[in-house]
C-alpha atoms as a PDB file:
ATOM      1  CA  LEU A   1      -4.515  -4.873-101.360  1.00  0.00           C
ATOM      2  CA  ARG A   2      -5.459  -7.695 -99.189  1.00  0.00           C
ATOM      3  CA  THR A   3      -1.532  -8.610 -98.312  1.00  0.00           C
ATOM      4  CA  ALA A   4      -0.752  -5.005 -96.932  1.00  0.00           C
ATOM      5  CA  GLN A   5      -4.306  -5.754 -94.887  1.00  0.00           C
ATOM      6  CA  LEU A   6      -3.125  -8.988 -93.735  1.00  0.00           C
ATOM      7  CA  ILE A   7       0.516  -7.380 -93.025  1.00  0.00           C
ATOM      8  CA  SER A   8      -1.100  -4.467 -91.094  1.00  0.00           C
ATOM      9  CA  LEU A   9      -2.954  -6.542 -88.879  1.00  0.00           C
ATOM     10  CA  SER A  10      -0.050  -8.978 -88.559  1.00  0.00           C
ATOM     11  CA  LEU A  11       2.160  -5.498 -87.267  1.00  0.00           C
ATOM     12  CA  LEU A  12      -1.038  -4.860 -85.134  1.00  0.00           C
ATOM     13  CA  VAL A  13      -1.461  -8.286 -83.873  1.00  0.00           C
ATOM     14  CA  GLY A  14       2.391  -8.193 -82.950  1.00  0.00           C
ATOM     15  CA  TYR A  15       2.374  -4.884 -81.402  1.00  0.00           C
ATOM     16  CA  SER A  16      -0.885  -5.669 -79.273  1.00  0.00           C
ATOM     17  CA  LEU A  17       1.010  -8.937 -78.032  1.00  0.00           C
ATOM     18  CA  PHE A  18       4.409  -7.058 -76.997  1.00  0.00           C
ATOM     19  CA  ALA A  19       2.300  -4.623 -75.512  1.00  0.00           C
ATOM     20  CA  VAL A  20       0.609  -7.092 -73.473  1.00  0.00           C
ATOM     21  CA  GLY A  21       3.338  -8.582 -72.547  1.00  0.00           C
ATOM     22  CA  ILE A  22       5.192  -5.399 -70.837  1.00  0.00           C
ATOM     23  CA  GLY A  23       1.832  -4.546 -69.135  1.00  0.00           C
ATOM     24  CA  SER A  24       1.772  -8.231 -67.557  1.00  0.00           C
ATOM     25  CA  LEU A  25       5.988  -7.627 -66.866  1.00  0.00           C
ATOM     26  CA  LEU A  26       4.795  -4.087 -65.260  1.00  0.00           C
ATOM     27  CA  LEU A  27       1.781  -5.543 -63.466  1.00  0.00           C
ATOM     28  CA  GLY A  28       4.400  -8.490 -61.790  1.00  0.00           C
ATOM     29  CA  TYR A  29       7.141  -6.378 -61.067  1.00  0.00           C
ATOM     30  CA  TYR A  30       4.493  -3.698 -58.878  1.00  0.00           C
ATOM     31  CA  ASN A  31       3.066  -6.788 -57.220  1.00  0.00           C
ATOM     32  CA  LEU A  32       6.061  -8.039 -56.260  1.00  0.00           C
ATOM     33  CA  ILE A  33       7.804  -4.795 -54.829  1.00  0.00           C
ATOM     34  CA  LYS A  34       3.842  -4.301 -52.713  1.00  0.00           C
ATOM     35  CA  TRP A  35       4.316  -8.170 -51.411  1.00  0.00           C
ATOM     36  CA  ASN A  36       8.069  -7.091 -50.096  1.00  0.00           C
ATOM     37  CA  ARG A  37       7.155  -4.042 -49.001  1.00  0.00           C
ATOM     38  CA  GLU A  38       4.747  -6.026 -46.814  1.00  0.00           C
ATOM     39  CA  ARG A  39       7.055  -8.599 -45.934  1.00  0.00           C
ATOM     40  CA  ARG A  40       9.703  -6.571 -44.480  1.00  0.00           C
ATOM     41  CA  ARG A  41       7.042  -4.920 -42.608  1.00  0.00           C
ATOM     42  CA  LEU A  42       5.843  -7.662 -40.819  1.00  0.00           C
ATOM     43  CA  GLN A  43      10.211  -8.508 -40.696  1.00  0.00           C
ATOM     44  CA  ILE A  44      10.328  -5.821 -38.921  1.00  0.00           C
ATOM     45  CA  GLU A  45       7.246  -6.205 -36.130  1.00  0.00           C
ATOM     46  CA  ASP A  46       8.148  -9.379 -35.775  1.00  0.00           C
ATOM     47  CA  LEU A  47      11.226  -8.537 -35.197  1.00  0.00           C
ATOM     48  CA  GLU A  48      10.241  -5.654 -32.623  1.00  0.00           C
ATOM     49  CA  SER A  49       7.948  -7.938 -30.347  1.00  0.00           C
ATOM     50  CA  ARG A  50      11.045 -10.226 -29.903  1.00  0.00           C
ATOM     51  CA  ILE A  51      12.879  -6.977 -28.578  1.00  0.00           C
ATOM     52  CA  ALA A  52      10.116  -6.317 -26.584  1.00  0.00           C
ATOM     53  CA  LEU A  53      10.231 -10.194 -25.106  1.00  0.00           C
ATOM     54  CA  PHE A  54      13.672 -10.593 -24.904  1.00  0.00           C
ATOM     55  CA  PRO A  55      13.879  -9.119 -21.206  1.00  0.00           C
ATOM     56  CA  LEU A  56      11.049 -11.054 -20.190  1.00  0.00           C
ATOM     57  CA  LEU A  57      12.723 -14.530 -21.548  1.00  0.00           C
ATOM     58  CA  GLN A  58      15.797 -13.699 -19.870  1.00  0.00           C
ATOM     59  CA  ALA A  59      14.738 -12.789 -16.705  1.00  0.00           C
ATOM     60  CA  GLU A  60      12.440 -16.416 -16.654  1.00  0.00           C
ATOM     61  CA  SER A  61      16.157 -18.038 -17.489  1.00  0.00           C
ATOM     62  CA  ASP A  62      17.661 -16.226 -14.601  1.00  0.00           C
ATOM     63  CA  ARG A  63      15.358 -17.313 -11.844  1.00  0.00           C
ATOM     64  CA  ARG A  64      15.304 -20.929 -13.054  1.00  0.00           C
ATOM     65  CA  THR A  65      19.468 -21.224 -13.364  1.00  0.00           C
ATOM     66  CA  LEU A  66      19.452 -18.840  -9.859  1.00  0.00           C
ATOM     67  CA  ARG A  67      16.941 -22.109  -8.390  1.00  0.00           C
ATOM     68  CA  LEU A  68      18.814 -24.546  -9.853  1.00  0.00           C
ATOM     69  CA  LEU A  69      22.242 -23.173  -8.197  1.00  0.00           C
ATOM     70  CA  ARG A  70      20.381 -22.647  -4.653  1.00  0.00           C
ATOM     71  CA  GLU A  71      19.127 -26.131  -4.527  1.00  0.00           C
ATOM     72  CA  ASN A  72      22.502 -27.413  -5.945  1.00  0.00           C
ATOM     73  CA  LEU A  73      24.221 -25.355  -2.863  1.00  0.00           C
ATOM     74  CA  GLU A  74      22.398 -27.140  -0.203  1.00  0.00           C
ATOM     75  CA  GLU A  75      22.413 -30.209  -1.540  1.00  0.00           C
ATOM     76  CA  GLU A  76      26.464 -29.601  -1.772  1.00  0.00           C
ATOM     77  CA  ALA A  77      26.395 -28.932   2.584  1.00  0.00           C
ATOM     78  CA  LYS A  78      24.290 -31.389   2.826  1.00  0.00           C
ATOM     79  CA  ILE A  79      26.595 -33.719   1.493  1.00  0.00           C
ATOM     80  CA  MET A  80      29.715 -31.858   1.770  1.00  0.00           C
ATOM     81  CA  LYS A  81      29.409 -31.711   5.296  1.00  0.00           C
ATOM     82  CA  ASP A  82      32.157 -33.390   7.215  1.00  0.00           C
ATOM     83  CA  VAL A  83      34.939 -33.023   4.925  1.00  0.00           C
ATOM     84  CA  PRO A  84      37.219 -30.945   6.967  1.00  0.00           C
ATOM     85  CA  GLY A  85      37.786 -27.228   5.124  1.00  0.00           C
ATOM     86  CA  TRP A  86      35.238 -27.493   2.000  1.00  0.00           C
ATOM     87  CA  LYS A  87      33.491 -24.157   1.356  1.00  0.00           C
ATOM     88  CA  VAL A  88      29.774 -24.277  -0.111  1.00  0.00           C
ATOM     89  CA  GLY A  89      29.955 -22.675  -3.409  1.00  0.00           C
ATOM     90  CA  GLU A  90      32.983 -21.868  -4.097  1.00  0.00           C
ATOM     91  CA  SER A  91      33.824 -20.793  -7.179  1.00  0.00           C
ATOM     92  CA  VAL A  92      36.293 -22.926  -9.202  1.00  0.00           C
ATOM     93  CA  PHE A  93      37.531 -20.362 -11.258  1.00  0.00           C
ATOM     94  CA  HIS A  94      39.999 -18.087 -10.280  1.00  0.00           C
ATOM     95  CA  THR A  95      38.133 -14.763 -11.018  1.00  0.00           C
ATOM     96  CA  ASP A  96      35.893 -11.858  -9.808  1.00  0.00           C
ATOM     97  CA  ARG A  97      32.934 -12.017 -12.986  1.00  0.00           C
ATOM     98  CA  TRP A  98      30.271 -13.816 -13.270  1.00  0.00           C
ATOM     99  CA  VAL A  99      31.010 -17.292 -15.142  1.00  0.00           C
ATOM    100  CA  PRO A 100      27.811 -18.543 -16.332  1.00  0.00           C
ATOM    101  CA  PRO A 101      27.367 -22.316 -15.390  1.00  0.00           C
ATOM    102  CA  THR A 102      27.596 -24.793 -18.243  1.00  0.00           C
ATOM    103  CA  PRO A 103      23.784 -27.245 -18.161  1.00  0.00           C
ATOM    104  CA  ASP A 104      26.091 -30.304 -16.637  1.00  0.00           C
ATOM    105  CA  GLU A 105      27.008 -27.723 -13.533  1.00  0.00           C
ATOM    106  CA  LEU A 106      23.342 -26.697 -13.117  1.00  0.00           C
ATOM    107  CA  TYR A 107      21.872 -30.895 -13.333  1.00  0.00           C
ATOM    108  CA  TYR A 108      24.570 -32.444 -11.910  1.00  0.00           C
ATOM    109  CA  LEU A 109      22.234 -33.414  -9.020  1.00  0.00           C
ATOM    110  CA  ARG A 110      19.483 -34.581 -10.803  1.00  0.00           C
ATOM    111  CA  PRO A 111      18.112 -36.958 -12.983  1.00  0.00           C
ATOM    112  CA  VAL A 112      19.861 -37.192 -16.249  1.00  0.00           C
ATOM    113  CA  SER A 113      16.698 -36.486 -18.358  1.00  0.00           C
ATOM    114  CA  GLU A 114      16.303 -33.657 -17.210  1.00  0.00           C
ATOM    115  CA  LEU A 115      19.912 -32.982 -18.465  1.00  0.00           C
ATOM    116  CA  HIS A 116      19.001 -34.587 -21.434  1.00  0.00           C
ATOM    117  CA  ASN A 117      16.162 -32.782 -22.015  1.00  0.00           C
ATOM    118  CA  GLU A 118      17.019 -28.773 -20.816  1.00  0.00           C
ATOM    119  CA  LYS A 119      20.744 -29.987 -23.648  1.00  0.00           C
ATOM    120  CA  PHE A 120      18.097 -31.268 -26.492  1.00  0.00           C
ATOM    121  CA  GLY A 121      14.890 -30.347 -25.550  1.00  0.00           C
ATOM    122  CA  LEU A 122      11.658 -32.592 -26.329  1.00  0.00           C
ATOM    123  CA  GLN A 123      12.744 -35.193 -28.508  1.00  0.00           C
ATOM    124  CA  TRP A 124      10.571 -37.820 -27.554  1.00  0.00           C
ATOM    125  CA  TYR A 125       9.728 -38.375 -31.003  1.00  0.00           C
ATOM    126  CA  VAL A 126      12.772 -39.541 -32.444  1.00  0.00           C
END
């Protein structure tokens, strides 16, 4: 009689532990799925904000580039005014398409520190 009780109790404990394990596994999966949905929503929100801000940032970059090009053309006109046949602002590329200038082209009349800041960013702490 006593052994039958012990066997039934040990089976009950085994099944209950198995049920608790399965329950915690399902709860963990539920929380994981919930977090993945939230993370996906946050990623979509981040992407939408980047898409919304990109034209503004591109316009600012274009304005800065055009300002630097205009300043370079003015300086080039001062430097090359005595050279016969020199055309200020003539493209070195034989194309009608716009070729974006490299940082070296934009900053060649400026201090080297500005060129390094544009190329490598703020790295004074390294």
